[in-house]
Amino acid sequence: MDRTSPLGAFLKARRARLSPDDVGLPRYGDRRRVPGLRREEVALLAGVSAGYYTRLEQGRQANASPEVLDALARALHLSPAERDHLYDLSSTTGHRPAVSGTPTSPR
């Protein structure tokens, strides 16, 4: 049974479109079992534990703080529209901070 939540599916899809090269991480070999970044790499970039990120993606943790959502948006290089969608998918929809005006695009 697939228990992926809409939030988890969104995070997984955005994680899959980035490579370690895109975010400045070293690439350890050419073979990767999953497309894009590993969960541990996203967690490292966002400053959260790998276990916490895994729970978010698996739908076992849906109430991330606005700070965590912002960190994930930066780590996954989300556009402003994608960032808004991330907030909509989380259970913290009442805590959406104002957009800073700085895009979350790669540097």
Protein backbone atom coordinates (compact mmCIF):
# COMPACT_ATOMS: atom_id res chain seq x y z
CA MET A 1 0.00 0.00 0.00
CA ASP A 2 1.39 3.40 -1.00
CA ARG A 3 0.96 5.83 1.90
CA THR A 4 2.58 8.83 0.25
CA SER A 5 0.89 12.08 1.20
CA PRO A 6 0.49 14.98 -1.23
CA LEU A 7 3.24 16.79 0.72
CA GLY A 8 5.50 13.75 0.46
CA ALA A 9 4.86 13.33 -3.26
CA PHE A 10 5.67 17.01 -3.84
CA LEU A 11 8.91 16.83 -1.84
CA LYS A 12 9.96 13.64 -3.60
CA ALA A 13 9.28 15.11 -7.05
CA ARG A 14 11.25 18.26 -6.29
CA ARG A 15 14.11 16.24 -4.78
CA ALA A 16 14.26 14.08 -7.93
CA ARG A 17 14.85 17.03 -10.25
CA LEU A 18 18.04 18.21 -8.52
CA SER A 19 21.47 16.63 -8.68
CA PRO A 20 24.30 16.97 -6.17
CA ASP A 21 26.07 19.17 -8.73
CA ASP A 22 23.09 21.56 -8.75
CA VAL A 23 23.43 22.24 -5.02
CA GLY A 24 27.21 22.07 -4.61
CA LEU A 25 27.43 18.64 -2.99
CA PRO A 26 30.08 16.08 -3.91
CA ARG A 27 29.02 13.18 -6.10
CA TYR A 28 30.13 9.81 -4.73
CA GLY A 29 30.25 7.59 -7.80
CA ASP A 30 28.01 7.53 -10.84
CA ARG A 31 25.41 5.06 -9.58
CA ARG A 32 22.53 6.39 -7.55
CA ARG A 33 19.55 4.28 -6.56
CA VAL A 34 17.16 7.22 -6.84
CA PRO A 35 17.02 10.07 -9.32
CA GLY A 36 18.16 13.40 -7.94
CA LEU A 37 19.15 14.10 -4.38
CA ARG A 38 19.00 11.59 -1.56
CA ARG A 39 16.79 12.35 1.42
CA GLU A 40 19.88 12.75 3.58
CA GLU A 41 21.25 15.37 1.19
CA VAL A 42 18.05 17.43 1.30
CA ALA A 43 18.03 17.19 5.09
CA LEU A 44 21.64 18.37 5.24
CA LEU A 45 20.91 21.33 2.97
CA ALA A 46 17.79 22.28 4.95
CA GLY A 47 19.44 21.87 8.35
CA VAL A 48 17.03 19.22 9.63
CA SER A 49 17.64 15.63 10.63
CA ALA A 50 17.41 12.94 7.99
CA GLY A 51 14.81 11.14 10.10
CA TYR A 52 12.61 14.23 10.32
CA TYR A 53 12.80 14.85 6.57
CA THR A 54 12.02 11.18 5.92
CA ARG A 55 8.93 11.41 8.15
CA LEU A 56 7.77 14.51 6.23
CA GLU A 57 8.23 12.81 2.89
CA GLN A 58 6.57 9.60 4.03
CA GLY A 59 3.54 11.49 5.37
CA ARG A 60 4.19 10.55 9.00
CA GLN A 61 4.91 14.16 9.97
CA ALA A 62 2.82 16.90 8.37
CA ASN A 63 3.10 19.84 10.75
CA ALA A 64 6.43 21.39 9.82
CA SER A 65 7.17 24.86 11.14
CA PRO A 66 7.36 27.81 8.75
CA GLU A 67 11.12 27.90 9.34
CA VAL A 68 11.49 24.27 8.25
CA LEU A 69 9.29 24.86 5.20
CA ASP A 70 11.38 27.88 4.23
CA ALA A 71 14.58 25.87 4.68
CA LEU A 72 13.18 23.09 2.49
CA ALA A 73 12.14 25.64 -0.15
CA ARG A 74 15.70 26.99 -0.24
CA ALA A 75 17.28 23.53 -0.25
CA LEU A 76 15.06 22.36 -3.11
CA HIS A 77 15.43 25.64 -5.04
CA LEU A 78 11.67 26.15 -5.18
CA SER A 79 10.13 29.03 -7.11
CA PRO A 80 7.82 31.39 -5.20
CA ALA A 81 4.78 29.54 -6.59
CA GLU A 82 6.22 26.17 -5.58
CA ARG A 83 7.00 27.56 -2.12
CA ASP A 84 3.38 28.66 -1.75
CA HIS A 85 2.25 25.20 -2.84
CA LEU A 86 4.56 23.64 -0.24
CA TYR A 87 2.84 25.74 2.45
CA ASP A 88 -0.58 24.78 1.09
CA LEU A 89 0.32 21.09 1.33
CA SER A 90 1.58 21.35 4.89
CA SER A 91 -0.71 21.58 7.88
CA THR A 92 0.66 25.03 8.78
CA THR A 93 -1.33 26.91 6.18
CA GLY A 94 -2.23 29.57 8.73
CA HIS A 95 1.43 30.42 9.26
CA ARG A 96 2.51 31.57 5.81
CA PRO A 97 5.11 34.34 6.17
CA ALA A 98 5.38 37.10 3.61
CA VAL A 99 7.63 36.47 0.62
CA SER A 100 10.91 38.30 1.07
CA GLY A 101 11.14 39.34 -2.57
CA THR A 102 14.31 37.35 -3.06
CA PRO A 103 13.81 34.39 -5.36
CA THR A 104 14.86 30.97 -4.10
CA SER A 105 16.65 30.14 -7.33
CA PRO A 106 20.12 28.55 -7.47
CA ARG A 107 23.04 30.83 -6.85
